């Protein structure tokens, strides 16, 4: 077919009615095939989108599971509040009289466990 078309393209084109009909049929067949391929591509794009959503949900689940396994989760509440006190309440120096509320708000924004730890330590506030 390629050689037939090549010779037709290089030379002047004088087509017989049956050749015109043949080429028009081939064009229609190829256009139908392209349309079929485009439809299949659209179906696959939908599948890709669905699979991407599933993957993203699994990544969130993995992050949550890893979060539970984080070593800081095993730090006892007493030690965690001691760390908060040491990091937020200066014992001396120019920051002794400073406003500590922004530091505490930052700590309470980390996670629910840190929020609970800071809220159960009244002298931090």
PDB file of N, CA and C in Angstrom:
ATOM      1  N   UNK A   1       0.823  -1.189   0.000  1.00  0.00           N
ATOM      2  CA  UNK A   1       0.000   0.000   0.000  1.00  0.00           C
ATOM      3  C   UNK A   1       0.870   1.257   0.000  1.00  0.00           C
ATOM      4  N   UNK A   2       1.933   1.235   0.813  1.00  0.00           N
ATOM      5  CA  UNK A   2       2.805   2.403   0.895  1.00  0.00           C
ATOM      6  C   UNK A   2       3.462   2.698  -0.443  1.00  0.00           C
ATOM      7  N   UNK A   3       3.891   1.646  -1.140  1.00  0.00           N
ATOM      8  CA  UNK A   3       4.532   1.848  -2.436  1.00  0.00           C
ATOM      9  C   UNK A   3       3.517   2.387  -3.448  1.00  0.00           C
ATOM     10  N   UNK A   4       2.305   1.887  -3.387  1.00  0.00           N
ATOM     11  CA  UNK A   4       1.241   2.368  -4.267  1.00  0.00           C
ATOM     12  C   UNK A   4       0.998   3.856  -4.037  1.00  0.00           C
ATOM     13  N   UNK A   5       0.888   4.236  -2.744  1.00  0.00           N
ATOM     14  CA  UNK A   5       0.652   5.645  -2.433  1.00  0.00           C
ATOM     15  C   UNK A   5       1.853   6.508  -2.807  1.00  0.00           C
ATOM     16  N   UNK A   6       3.041   5.996  -2.593  1.00  0.00           N
ATOM     17  CA  UNK A   6       4.256   6.747  -2.922  1.00  0.00           C
ATOM     18  C   UNK A   6       4.308   7.050  -4.405  1.00  0.00           C
ATOM     19  N   UNK A   7       3.993   6.078  -5.215  1.00  0.00           N
ATOM     20  CA  UNK A   7       4.038   6.322  -6.663  1.00  0.00           C
ATOM     21  C   UNK A   7       2.946   7.297  -7.075  1.00  0.00           C
ATOM     22  N   UNK A   8       1.811   7.283  -6.397  1.00  0.00           N
ATOM     23  CA  UNK A   8       0.726   8.205  -6.707  1.00  0.00           C
ATOM     24  C   UNK A   8       1.053   9.628  -6.266  1.00  0.00           C
ATOM     25  N   UNK A   9       1.796   9.761  -5.212  1.00  0.00           N
ATOM     26  CA  UNK A   9       2.136  11.092  -4.704  1.00  0.00           C
ATOM     27  C   UNK A   9       3.220  11.729  -5.565  1.00  0.00           C
ATOM     28  N   UNK A  10       4.177  10.942  -6.037  1.00  0.00           N
ATOM     29  CA  UNK A  10       5.298  11.476  -6.801  1.00  0.00           C
ATOM     30  C   UNK A  10       4.906  11.861  -8.223  1.00  0.00           C
ATOM     31  N   UNK A  11       4.012  11.135  -8.776  1.00  0.00           N
ATOM     32  CA  UNK A  11       3.609  11.380 -10.160  1.00  0.00           C
ATOM     33  C   UNK A  11       2.326  12.216 -10.185  1.00  0.00           C
ATOM     34  N   UNK A  12       2.006  12.758 -11.333  1.00  0.00           N
ATOM     35  CA  UNK A  12       0.712  13.424 -11.446  1.00  0.00           C
ATOM     36  C   UNK A  12      -0.409  12.430 -11.110  1.00  0.00           C
ATOM     37  N   UNK A  13      -1.433  12.942 -10.516  1.00  0.00           N
ATOM     38  CA  UNK A  13      -2.495  12.064 -10.040  1.00  0.00           C
ATOM     39  C   UNK A  13      -3.647  12.051 -11.031  1.00  0.00           C
ATOM     40  N   UNK A  14      -3.839  10.894 -11.608  1.00  0.00           N
ATOM     41  CA  UNK A  14      -4.976  10.640 -12.493  1.00  0.00           C
ATOM     42  C   UNK A  14      -5.638   9.381 -11.968  1.00  0.00           C
ATOM     43  N   UNK A  15      -6.680   9.557 -11.226  1.00  0.00           N
ATOM     44  CA  UNK A  15      -7.319   8.415 -10.586  1.00  0.00           C
ATOM     45  C   UNK A  15      -8.556   7.965 -11.353  1.00  0.00           C
ATOM     46  N   UNK A  16      -8.683   6.667 -11.392  1.00  0.00           N
ATOM     47  CA  UNK A  16      -9.876   6.058 -11.954  1.00  0.00           C
ATOM     48  C   UNK A  16     -10.988   6.130 -10.915  1.00  0.00           C
ATOM     49  N   UNK A  17     -12.236   6.103 -11.299  1.00  0.00           N
ATOM     50  CA  UNK A  17     -13.341   6.155 -10.331  1.00  0.00           C
ATOM     51  C   UNK A  17     -13.265   5.053  -9.259  1.00  0.00           C
ATOM     52  N   UNK A  18     -12.841   3.863  -9.651  1.00  0.00           N
ATOM     53  CA  UNK A  18     -12.725   2.794  -8.656  1.00  0.00           C
ATOM     54  C   UNK A  18     -11.585   3.064  -7.673  1.00  0.00           C
ATOM     55  N   UNK A  19     -10.522   3.731  -8.115  1.00  0.00           N
ATOM     56  CA  UNK A  19      -9.426   4.101  -7.213  1.00  0.00           C
ATOM     57  C   UNK A  19      -9.878   5.191  -6.249  1.00  0.00           C
ATOM     58  N   UNK A  20     -10.633   6.142  -6.735  1.00  0.00           N
ATOM     59  CA  UNK A  20     -11.172   7.193  -5.869  1.00  0.00           C
ATOM     60  C   UNK A  20     -12.075   6.573  -4.805  1.00  0.00           C
ATOM     61  N   UNK A  21     -12.915   5.664  -5.256  1.00  0.00           N
ATOM     62  CA  UNK A  21     -13.812   4.989  -4.321  1.00  0.00           C
ATOM     63  C   UNK A  21     -13.020   4.188  -3.286  1.00  0.00           C
ATOM     64  N   UNK A  22     -11.991   3.479  -3.764  1.00  0.00           N
ATOM     65  CA  UNK A  22     -11.144   2.700  -2.861  1.00  0.00           C
ATOM     66  C   UNK A  22     -10.477   3.599  -1.815  1.00  0.00           C
ATOM     67  N   UNK A  23      -9.905   4.703  -2.252  1.00  0.00           N
ATOM     68  CA  UNK A  23      -9.224   5.618  -1.322  1.00  0.00           C
ATOM     69  C   UNK A  23     -10.208   6.264  -0.348  1.00  0.00           C
ATOM     70  N   UNK A  24     -11.382   6.608  -0.816  1.00  0.00           N
ATOM     71  CA  UNK A  24     -12.384   7.183   0.093  1.00  0.00           C
ATOM     72  C   UNK A  24     -12.823   6.156   1.132  1.00  0.00           C
ATOM     73  N   UNK A  25     -12.948   4.921   0.727  1.00  0.00           N
ATOM     74  CA  UNK A  25     -13.287   3.848   1.675  1.00  0.00           C
ATOM     75  C   UNK A  25     -12.180   3.676   2.692  1.00  0.00           C
ATOM     76  N   UNK A  26     -10.939   3.679   2.233  1.00  0.00           N
ATOM     77  CA  UNK A  26      -9.798   3.551   3.159  1.00  0.00           C
ATOM     78  C   UNK A  26      -9.748   4.715   4.135  1.00  0.00           C
ATOM     79  N   UNK A  27     -10.009   5.924   3.641  1.00  0.00           N
ATOM     80  CA  UNK A  27     -10.018   7.104   4.518  1.00  0.00           C
ATOM     81  C   UNK A  27     -11.085   6.938   5.586  1.00  0.00           C
ATOM     82  N   UNK A  28     -12.270   6.507   5.182  1.00  0.00           N
ATOM     83  CA  UNK A  28     -13.370   6.303   6.139  1.00  0.00           C
ATOM     84  C   UNK A  28     -13.011   5.245   7.170  1.00  0.00           C
ATOM     85  N   UNK A  29     -12.395   4.150   6.722  1.00  0.00           N
ATOM     86  CA  UNK A  29     -11.986   3.087   7.644  1.00  0.00           C
ATOM     87  C   UNK A  29     -10.946   3.597   8.643  1.00  0.00           C
ATOM     88  N   UNK A  30      -9.967   4.333   8.142  1.00  0.00           N
ATOM     89  CA  UNK A  30      -8.911   4.848   9.019  1.00  0.00           C
ATOM     90  C   UNK A  30      -9.456   5.893   9.997  1.00  0.00           C
ATOM     91  N   UNK A  31     -10.376   6.718   9.539  1.00  0.00           N
ATOM     92  CA  UNK A  31     -10.997   7.705  10.447  1.00  0.00           C
ATOM     93  C   UNK A  31     -11.804   7.002  11.532  1.00  0.00           C
ATOM     94  N   UNK A  32     -12.489   5.938  11.157  1.00  0.00           N
ATOM     95  CA  UNK A  32     -13.245   5.164  12.149  1.00  0.00           C
ATOM     96  C   UNK A  32     -12.294   4.536  13.169  1.00  0.00           C
ATOM     97  N   UNK A  33     -11.168   4.043  12.686  1.00  0.00           N
ATOM     98  CA  UNK A  33     -10.173   3.465  13.591  1.00  0.00           C
ATOM     99  C   UNK A  33      -9.616   4.527  14.538  1.00  0.00           C
ATOM    100  N   UNK A  34      -9.321   5.697  14.015  1.00  0.00           N
ATOM    101  CA  UNK A  34      -8.835   6.799  14.853  1.00  0.00           C
ATOM    102  C   UNK A  34      -9.881   7.140  15.914  1.00  0.00           C
ATOM    103  N   UNK A  35     -11.153   7.186  15.515  1.00  0.00           N
ATOM    104  CA  UNK A  35     -12.229   7.487  16.469  1.00  0.00           C
ATOM    105  C   UNK A  35     -12.305   6.418  17.556  1.00  0.00           C
ATOM    106  N   UNK A  36     -12.158   5.164  17.158  1.00  0.00           N
ATOM    107  CA  UNK A  36     -12.157   4.064  18.127  1.00  0.00           C
ATOM    108  C   UNK A  36     -10.991   4.212  19.098  1.00  0.00           C
ATOM    109  N   UNK A  37      -9.820   4.535  18.563  1.00  0.00           N
ATOM    110  CA  UNK A  37      -8.646   4.717  19.416  1.00  0.00           C
ATOM    111  C   UNK A  37      -8.827   5.896  20.368  1.00  0.00           C
ATOM    112  N   UNK A  38      -9.417   6.984  19.889  1.00  0.00           N
ATOM    113  CA  UNK A  38      -9.672   8.142  20.758  1.00  0.00           C
ATOM    114  C   UNK A  38     -10.650   7.781  21.876  1.00  0.00           C
ATOM    115  N   UNK A  39     -11.658   6.992  21.543  1.00  0.00           N
ATOM    116  CA  UNK A  39     -12.618   6.555  22.567  1.00  0.00           C
ATOM    117  C   UNK A  39     -11.917   5.693  23.611  1.00  0.00           C
ATOM    118  N   UNK A  40     -11.066   4.808  23.158  1.00  0.00           N
ATOM    119  CA  UNK A  40     -10.321   3.942  24.082  1.00  0.00           C
ATOM    120  C   UNK A  40      -9.396   4.779  24.966  1.00  0.00           C
ATOM    121  N   UNK A  41      -8.750   5.759  24.374  1.00  0.00           N
ATOM    122  CA  UNK A  41      -7.871   6.649  25.142  1.00  0.00           C
ATOM    123  C   UNK A  41      -8.676   7.382  26.210  1.00  0.00           C
ATOM    124  N   UNK A  42      -9.867   7.856  25.863  1.00  0.00           N
ATOM    125  CA  UNK A  42     -10.719   8.534  26.845  1.00  0.00           C
ATOM    126  C   UNK A  42     -11.095   7.594  27.986  1.00  0.00           C
ATOM    127  N   UNK A  43     -11.430   6.342  27.647  1.00  0.00           N
ATOM    128  CA  UNK A  43     -11.755   5.356  28.689  1.00  0.00           C
ATOM    129  C   UNK A  43     -10.558   5.140  29.611  1.00  0.00           C
ATOM    130  N   UNK A  44      -9.380   5.047  29.020  1.00  0.00           N
ATOM    131  CA  UNK A  44      -8.175   4.832  29.820  1.00  0.00           C
ATOM    132  C   UNK A  44      -7.855   6.054  30.689  1.00  0.00           C
ATOM    133  N   UNK A  45      -8.139   7.244  30.181  1.00  0.00           N
ATOM    134  CA  UNK A  45      -7.928   8.449  30.994  1.00  0.00           C
ATOM    135  C   UNK A  45      -8.825   8.427  32.223  1.00  0.00           C
ATOM    136  N   UNK A  46     -10.064   7.974  32.049  1.00  0.00           N
ATOM    137  CA  UNK A  46     -10.978   7.854  33.192  1.00  0.00           C
ATOM    138  C   UNK A  46     -10.421   6.844  34.187  1.00  0.00           C
ATOM    139  N   UNK A  47      -9.941   5.713  33.674  1.00  0.00           N
ATOM    140  CA  UNK A  47      -9.356   4.703  34.562  1.00  0.00           C
ATOM    141  C   UNK A  47      -8.130   5.258  35.274  1.00  0.00           C
ATOM    142  N   UNK A  48      -7.303   5.993  34.559  1.00  0.00           N
ATOM    143  CA  UNK A  48      -6.111   6.588  35.172  1.00  0.00           C
ATOM    144  C   UNK A  48      -6.520   7.544  36.284  1.00  0.00           C
ATOM    145  N   UNK A  49      -7.537   8.332  36.032  1.00  0.00           N
ATOM    146  CA  UNK A  49      -8.013   9.271  37.040  1.00  0.00           C
ATOM    147  C   UNK A  49      -8.511   8.531  38.281  1.00  0.00           C
ATOM    148  N   UNK A  50      -9.287   7.477  38.073  1.00  0.00           N
ATOM    149  CA  UNK A  50      -9.790   6.686  39.196  1.00  0.00           C
ATOM    150  C   UNK A  50      -8.651   6.032  39.960  1.00  0.00           C
ATOM    151  N   UNK A  51      -7.695   5.472  39.241  1.00  0.00           N
ATOM    152  CA  UNK A  51      -6.558   4.838  39.892  1.00  0.00           C
ATOM    153  C   UNK A  51      -5.701   5.854  40.646  1.00  0.00           C
ATOM    154  N   UNK A  52      -5.572   7.044  40.105  1.00  0.00           N
ATOM    155  CA  UNK A  52      -4.819   8.098  40.784  1.00  0.00           C
ATOM    156  C   UNK A  52      -5.500   8.474  42.092  1.00  0.00           C
ATOM    157  N   UNK A  53      -6.814   8.577  42.073  1.00  0.00           N
ATOM    158  CA  UNK A  53      -7.551   8.877  43.309  1.00  0.00           C
ATOM    159  C   UNK A  53      -7.360   7.768  44.339  1.00  0.00           C
ATOM    160  N   UNK A  54      -7.430   6.521  43.889  1.00  0.00           N
ATOM    161  CA  UNK A  54      -7.214   5.396  44.800  1.00  0.00           C
ATOM    162  C   UNK A  54      -5.807   5.417  45.377  1.00  0.00           C
ATOM    163  N   UNK A  55      -4.825   5.717  44.513  1.00  0.00           N
ATOM    164  CA  UNK A  55      -3.433   5.781  44.969  1.00  0.00           C
ATOM    165  C   UNK A  55      -3.253   6.890  45.996  1.00  0.00           C
ATOM    166  N   UNK A  56      -3.840   8.066  45.735  1.00  0.00           N
ATOM    167  CA  UNK A  56      -3.731   9.188  46.668  1.00  0.00           C
ATOM    168  C   UNK A  56      -4.350   8.838  48.016  1.00  0.00           C
ATOM    169  N   UNK A  57      -5.489   8.143  47.992  1.00  0.00           N
ATOM    170  CA  UNK A  57      -6.121   7.724  49.249  1.00  0.00           C
ATOM    171  C   UNK A  57      -5.221   6.756  50.009  1.00  0.00           C
ATOM    172  N   UNK A  58      -4.572   5.859  49.295  1.00  0.00           N
ATOM    173  CA  UNK A  58      -3.660   4.910  49.943  1.00  0.00           C
ATOM    174  C   UNK A  58      -2.431   5.625  50.502  1.00  0.00           C
ATOM    175  N   UNK A  59      -1.950   6.640  49.797  1.00  0.00           N
ATOM    176  CA  UNK A  59      -0.809   7.397  50.314  1.00  0.00           C
ATOM    177  C   UNK A  59      -1.164   8.122  51.605  1.00  0.00           C
ATOM    178  N   UNK A  60      -2.389   8.646  51.684  1.00  0.00           N
ATOM    179  CA  UNK A  60      -2.848   9.291  52.920  1.00  0.00           C
ATOM    180  C   UNK A  60      -2.928   8.255  54.032  1.00  0.00           C
ATOM    181  N   UNK A  61      -3.439   7.079  53.707  1.00  0.00           N
ATOM    182  CA  UNK A  61      -3.538   6.010  54.712  1.00  0.00           C
ATOM    183  C   UNK A  61      -2.151   5.588  55.196  1.00  0.00           C
ATOM    184  N   UNK A  62      -1.207   5.461  54.272  1.00  0.00           N
ATOM    185  CA  UNK A  62       0.165   5.100  54.639  1.00  0.00           C
ATOM    186  C   UNK A  62       0.767   6.165  55.548  1.00  0.00           C
ATOM    187  N   UNK A  63       0.550   7.432  55.220  1.00  0.00           N
ATOM    188  CA  UNK A  63       1.084   8.517  56.047  1.00  0.00           C
ATOM    189  C   UNK A  63       0.482   8.460  57.451  1.00  0.00           C
ATOM    190  N   UNK A  64      -0.794   8.175  57.546  1.00  0.00           N
ATOM    191  CA  UNK A  64      -1.436   8.072  58.859  1.00  0.00           C
ATOM    192  C   UNK A  64      -0.864   6.907  59.656  1.00  0.00           C
ATOM    193  N   UNK A  65      -0.655   5.782  58.997  1.00  0.00           N
ATOM    194  CA  UNK A  65      -0.082   4.620  59.688  1.00  0.00           C
ATOM    195  C   UNK A  65       1.348   4.900  60.133  1.00  0.00           C
ATOM    196  N   UNK A  66       2.116   5.563  59.278  1.00  0.00           N
ATOM    197  CA  UNK A  66       3.493   5.914  59.670  1.00  0.00           C
ATOM    198  C   UNK A  66       3.486   6.898  60.831  1.00  0.00           C
ATOM    199  N   UNK A  67       2.520   7.794  60.823  1.00  0.00           N
ATOM    200  CA  UNK A  67       2.401   8.770  61.893  1.00  0.00           C
ATOM    201  C   UNK A  67       2.181   8.075  63.234  1.00  0.00           C
ATOM    202  N   UNK A  68       1.372   7.022  63.226  1.00  0.00           N
ATOM    203  CA  UNK A  68       1.116   6.275  64.458  1.00  0.00           C
ATOM    204  C   UNK A  68       2.396   5.609  64.953  1.00  0.00           C
ATOM    205  N   UNK A  69       3.251   5.192  64.014  1.00  0.00           N
ATOM    206  CA  UNK A  69       4.498   4.519  64.391  1.00  0.00           C
ATOM    207  C   UNK A  69       5.631   5.476  64.750  1.00  0.00           C
ATOM    208  N   UNK A  70       5.436   6.766  64.594  1.00  0.00           N
ATOM    209  CA  UNK A  70       6.497   7.734  64.859  1.00  0.00           C
ATOM    210  C   UNK A  70       6.965   7.637  66.312  1.00  0.00           C
ATOM    211  N   UNK A  71       8.269   7.691  66.534  1.00  0.00           N
ATOM    212  CA  UNK A  71       8.800   7.569  67.899  1.00  0.00           C
ATOM    213  C   UNK A  71       8.246   8.610  68.864  1.00  0.00           C
ATOM    214  N   UNK A  72       7.957   9.812  68.401  1.00  0.00           N
ATOM    215  CA  UNK A  72       7.454  10.851  69.296  1.00  0.00           C
ATOM    216  C   UNK A  72       6.104  10.452  69.892  1.00  0.00           C
ATOM    217  N   UNK A  73       5.388   9.540  69.243  1.00  0.00           N
ATOM    218  CA  UNK A  73       4.095   9.073  69.757  1.00  0.00           C
ATOM    219  C   UNK A  73       4.250   8.249  71.033  1.00  0.00           C
ATOM    220  N   UNK A  74       5.456   7.717  71.246  1.00  0.00           N
ATOM    221  CA  UNK A  74       5.690   6.876  72.421  1.00  0.00           C
ATOM    222  C   UNK A  74       6.277   7.650  73.601  1.00  0.00           C
ATOM    223  N   UNK A  75       6.475   8.949  73.419  1.00  0.00           N
ATOM    224  CA  UNK A  75       6.996   9.766  74.506  1.00  0.00           C
ATOM    225  C   UNK A  75       5.876   9.954  75.530  1.00  0.00           C
ATOM    226  N   UNK A  76       6.134   9.611  76.785  1.00  0.00           N
ATOM    227  CA  UNK A  76       5.090   9.774  77.803  1.00  0.00           C
ATOM    228  C   UNK A  76       4.666  11.238  77.949  1.00  0.00           C
ATOM    229  N   UNK A  77       3.431  11.430  78.353  1.00  0.00           N
ATOM    230  CA  UNK A  77       2.857  12.764  78.495  1.00  0.00           C
ATOM    231  C   UNK A  77       3.688  13.639  79.432  1.00  0.00           C
ATOM    232  N   UNK A  78       4.192  13.069  80.495  1.00  0.00           N
ATOM    233  CA  UNK A  78       4.980  13.844  81.468  1.00  0.00           C
ATOM    234  C   UNK A  78       6.254  14.394  80.831  1.00  0.00           C
ATOM    235  N   UNK A  79       6.914  13.580  80.029  1.00  0.00           N
ATOM    236  CA  UNK A  79       8.145  14.027  79.370  1.00  0.00           C
ATOM    237  C   UNK A  79       7.819  15.062  78.296  1.00  0.00           C
ATOM    238  N   UNK A  80       6.730  14.849  77.585  1.00  0.00           N
ATOM    239  CA  UNK A  80       6.335  15.794  76.544  1.00  0.00           C
ATOM    240  C   UNK A  80       6.022  17.162  77.152  1.00  0.00           C
ATOM    241  N   UNK A  81       5.313  17.193  78.249  1.00  0.00           N
ATOM    242  CA  UNK A  81       5.015  18.481  78.886  1.00  0.00           C
ATOM    243  C   UNK A  81       6.284  19.127  79.436  1.00  0.00           C
ATOM    244  N   UNK A  82       7.218  18.321  79.905  1.00  0.00           N
ATOM    245  CA  UNK A  82       8.507  18.863  80.368  1.00  0.00           C
ATOM    246  C   UNK A  82       9.264  19.506  79.201  1.00  0.00           C
ATOM    247  N   UNK A  83       9.228  18.860  78.055  1.00  0.00           N
ATOM    248  CA  UNK A  83       9.867  19.431  76.854  1.00  0.00           C
ATOM    249  C   UNK A  83       9.202  20.755  76.494  1.00  0.00           C
ATOM    250  N   UNK A  84       7.874  20.781  76.563  1.00  0.00           N
ATOM    251  CA  UNK A  84       7.154  22.024  76.268  1.00  0.00           C
ATOM    252  C   UNK A  84       7.578  23.130  77.233  1.00  0.00           C
ATOM    253  N   UNK A  85       7.658  22.796  78.489  1.00  0.00           N
ATOM    254  CA  UNK A  85       8.057  23.794  79.492  1.00  0.00           C
ATOM    255  C   UNK A  85       9.459  24.311  79.200  1.00  0.00           C
ATOM    256  N   UNK A  86      10.378  23.413  78.911  1.00  0.00           N
ATOM    257  CA  UNK A  86      11.757  23.820  78.651  1.00  0.00           C
ATOM    258  C   UNK A  86      11.880  24.660  77.379  1.00  0.00           C
ATOM    259  N   UNK A  87      11.036  24.370  76.404  1.00  0.00           N
ATOM    260  CA  UNK A  87      11.157  25.106  75.145  1.00  0.00           C
ATOM    261  C   UNK A  87      10.357  26.399  75.131  1.00  0.00           C
ATOM    262  N   UNK A  88       9.336  26.518  75.972  1.00  0.00           N
ATOM    263  CA  UNK A  88       8.456  27.683  75.898  1.00  0.00           C
ATOM    264  C   UNK A  88       8.590  28.660  77.059  1.00  0.00           C
ATOM    265  N   UNK A  89       9.028  28.170  78.187  1.00  0.00           N
ATOM    266  CA  UNK A  89       9.096  29.056  79.348  1.00  0.00           C
ATOM    267  C   UNK A  89      10.557  29.330  79.686  1.00  0.00           C
ATOM    268  N   UNK A  90      11.063  30.492  79.294  1.00  0.00           N
ATOM    269  CA  UNK A  90      12.449  30.819  79.646  1.00  0.00           C
ATOM    270  C   UNK A  90      12.561  31.082  81.155  1.00  0.00           C
ATOM    271  N   UNK A  91      13.612  30.553  81.760  1.00  0.00           N
ATOM    272  CA  UNK A  91      13.809  30.707  83.206  1.00  0.00           C
ATOM    273  C   UNK A  91      14.509  32.027  83.551  1.00  0.00           C
ATOM    274  N   UNK A  92      15.217  32.566  82.588  1.00  0.00           N
ATOM    275  CA  UNK A  92      15.953  33.817  82.823  1.00  0.00           C
ATOM    276  C   UNK A  92      16.256  34.460  81.482  1.00  0.00           C
ATOM    277  N   UNK A  93      16.807  35.630  81.499  1.00  0.00           N
ATOM    278  CA  UNK A  93      17.212  36.322  80.280  1.00  0.00           C
ATOM    279  C   UNK A  93      16.157  37.299  79.788  1.00  0.00           C
ATOM    280  N   UNK A  94      16.437  37.929  78.637  1.00  0.00           N
ATOM    281  CA  UNK A  94      15.556  38.981  78.124  1.00  0.00           C
ATOM    282  C   UNK A  94      14.182  38.452  77.674  1.00  0.00           C
ATOM    283  N   UNK A  95      14.074  37.164  77.415  1.00  0.00           N
ATOM    284  CA  UNK A  95      12.793  36.615  76.973  1.00  0.00           C
ATOM    285  C   UNK A  95      11.893  36.194  78.142  1.00  0.00           C
ATOM    286  N   UNK A  96      12.393  36.374  79.374  1.00  0.00           N
ATOM    287  CA  UNK A  96      11.641  35.929  80.539  1.00  0.00           C
ATOM    288  C   UNK A  96      10.258  36.571  80.608  1.00  0.00           C
ATOM    289  N   UNK A  97      10.169  37.826  80.253  1.00  0.00           N
ATOM    290  CA  UNK A  97       8.890  38.531  80.317  1.00  0.00           C
ATOM    291  C   UNK A  97       8.140  38.536  78.976  1.00  0.00           C
ATOM    292  N   UNK A  98       8.619  37.784  78.006  1.00  0.00           N
ATOM    293  CA  UNK A  98       7.996  37.825  76.673  1.00  0.00           C
ATOM    294  C   UNK A  98       6.654  37.100  76.667  1.00  0.00           C
ATOM    295  N   UNK A  99       5.908  37.342  75.629  1.00  0.00           N
ATOM    296  CA  UNK A  99       4.602  36.721  75.455  1.00  0.00           C
ATOM    297  C   UNK A  99       4.806  35.314  74.899  1.00  0.00           C
ATOM    298  N   UNK A 100       4.395  34.289  75.621  1.00  0.00           N
ATOM    299  CA  UNK A 100       4.616  32.906  75.230  1.00  0.00           C
ATOM    300  C   UNK A 100       3.455  32.299  74.440  1.00  0.00           C
ATOM    301  N   UNK A 101       2.370  33.028  74.351  1.00  0.00           N
ATOM    302  CA  UNK A 101       1.178  32.482  73.703  1.00  0.00           C
ATOM    303  C   UNK A 101       1.437  32.044  72.264  1.00  0.00           C
ATOM    304  N   UNK A 102       2.146  32.821  71.430  1.00  0.00           N
ATOM    305  CA  UNK A 102       2.393  32.347  70.057  1.00  0.00           C
ATOM    306  C   UNK A 102       3.126  31.006  70.010  1.00  0.00           C
ATOM    307  N   UNK A 103       4.104  30.820  70.924  1.00  0.00           N
ATOM    308  CA  UNK A 103       4.812  29.535  70.958  1.00  0.00           C
ATOM    309  C   UNK A 103       3.861  28.400  71.310  1.00  0.00           C
ATOM    310  N   UNK A 104       2.990  28.638  72.244  1.00  0.00           N
ATOM    311  CA  UNK A 104       2.051  27.597  72.652  1.00  0.00           C
ATOM    312  C   UNK A 104       1.050  27.291  71.544  1.00  0.00           C
ATOM    313  N   UNK A 105       0.606  28.323  70.844  1.00  0.00           N
ATOM    314  CA  UNK A 105      -0.313  28.066  69.727  1.00  0.00           C
ATOM    315  C   UNK A 105       0.364  27.221  68.647  1.00  0.00           C
ATOM    316  N   UNK A 106       1.657  27.467  68.429  1.00  0.00           N
ATOM    317  CA  UNK A 106       2.380  26.675  67.440  1.00  0.00           C
ATOM    318  C   UNK A 106       2.449  25.208  67.898  1.00  0.00           C
ATOM    319  N   UNK A 107       2.741  24.991  69.168  1.00  0.00           N
ATOM    320  CA  UNK A 107       2.803  23.621  69.680  1.00  0.00           C
ATOM    321  C   UNK A 107       1.450  22.921  69.594  1.00  0.00           C
ATOM    322  N   UNK A 108       0.380  23.641  69.898  1.00  0.00           N
ATOM    323  CA  UNK A 108      -0.942  23.012  69.875  1.00  0.00           C
ATOM    324  C   UNK A 108      -1.432  22.754  68.450  1.00  0.00           C
ATOM    325  N   UNK A 109      -0.750  23.303  67.475  1.00  0.00           N
ATOM    326  CA  UNK A 109      -1.155  23.094  66.085  1.00  0.00           C
ATOM    327  C   UNK A 109      -0.474  21.896  65.438  1.00  0.00           C
ATOM    328  N   UNK A 110       0.471  21.291  66.124  1.00  0.00           N
ATOM    329  CA  UNK A 110       1.217  20.179  65.528  1.00  0.00           C
ATOM    330  C   UNK A 110       0.324  18.958  65.330  1.00  0.00           C
ATOM    331  N   UNK A 111      -0.324  18.521  66.389  1.00  0.00           N
ATOM    332  CA  UNK A 111      -1.206  17.355  66.295  1.00  0.00           C
ATOM    333  C   UNK A 111      -2.103  17.318  67.528  1.00  0.00           C
ATOM    334  N   UNK A 112      -3.055  16.420  67.503  1.00  0.00           N
ATOM    335  CA  UNK A 112      -4.018  16.323  68.612  1.00  0.00           C
ATOM    336  C   UNK A 112      -3.335  15.937  69.920  1.00  0.00           C
ATOM    337  N   UNK A 113      -2.347  15.063  69.842  1.00  0.00           N
ATOM    338  CA  UNK A 113      -1.652  14.635  71.059  1.00  0.00           C
ATOM    339  C   UNK A 113      -0.894  15.798  71.698  1.00  0.00           C
ATOM    340  N   UNK A 114      -0.246  16.616  70.894  1.00  0.00           N
ATOM    341  CA  UNK A 114       0.480  17.767  71.439  1.00  0.00           C
ATOM    342  C   UNK A 114      -0.496  18.803  71.984  1.00  0.00           C
ATOM    343  N   UNK A 115      -1.630  18.955  71.315  1.00  0.00           N
ATOM    344  CA  UNK A 115      -2.648  19.892  71.802  1.00  0.00           C
ATOM    345  C   UNK A 115      -3.145  19.442  73.176  1.00  0.00           C
ATOM    346  N   UNK A 116      -3.416  18.152  73.298  1.00  0.00           N
ATOM    347  CA  UNK A 116      -3.884  17.609  74.575  1.00  0.00           C
ATOM    348  C   UNK A 116      -2.820  17.796  75.662  1.00  0.00           C
ATOM    349  N   UNK A 117      -1.567  17.523  75.304  1.00  0.00           N
ATOM    350  CA  UNK A 117      -0.477  17.657  76.278  1.00  0.00           C
ATOM    351  C   UNK A 117      -0.337  19.100  76.742  1.00  0.00           C
ATOM    352  N   UNK A 118      -0.437  20.035  75.827  1.00  0.00           N
ATOM    353  CA  UNK A 118      -0.278  21.436  76.232  1.00  0.00           C
ATOM    354  C   UNK A 118      -1.484  21.932  77.015  1.00  0.00           C
ATOM    355  N   UNK A 119      -2.665  21.458  76.659  1.00  0.00           N
ATOM    356  CA  UNK A 119      -3.870  21.896  77.383  1.00  0.00           C
ATOM    357  C   UNK A 119      -3.957  21.297  78.788  1.00  0.00           C
ATOM    358  N   UNK A 120      -3.308  20.158  78.982  1.00  0.00           N
ATOM    359  CA  UNK A 120      -3.319  19.548  80.319  1.00  0.00           C
ATOM    360  C   UNK A 120      -2.176  20.051  81.195  1.00  0.00           C
ATOM    361  N   UNK A 121      -1.448  21.041  80.719  1.00  0.00           N
ATOM    362  CA  UNK A 121      -0.357  21.637  81.487  1.00  0.00           C
ATOM    363  C   UNK A 121      -0.691  23.104  81.722  1.00  0.00           C
ATOM    364  N   UNK A 122      -1.447  23.416  82.790  1.00  0.00           N
ATOM    365  CA  UNK A 122      -1.953  24.773  82.988  1.00  0.00           C
ATOM    366  C   UNK A 122      -0.870  25.841  83.131  1.00  0.00           C
ATOM    367  N   UNK A 123       0.265  25.528  83.757  1.00  0.00           N
ATOM    368  CA  UNK A 123       1.251  26.590  83.969  1.00  0.00           C
ATOM    369  C   UNK A 123       1.963  26.997  82.674  1.00  0.00           C
ATOM    370  N   UNK A 124       1.715  26.294  81.569  1.00  0.00           N
ATOM    371  CA  UNK A 124       2.215  26.763  80.275  1.00  0.00           C
ATOM    372  C   UNK A 124       1.423  27.973  79.788  1.00  0.00           C
ATOM    373  N   UNK A 125       0.203  28.109  80.250  1.00  0.00           N
ATOM    374  CA  UNK A 125      -0.669  29.184  79.801  1.00  0.00           C
ATOM    375  C   UNK A 125      -0.650  30.301  80.802  1.00  0.00           C
TER     376      UNK A 125
END
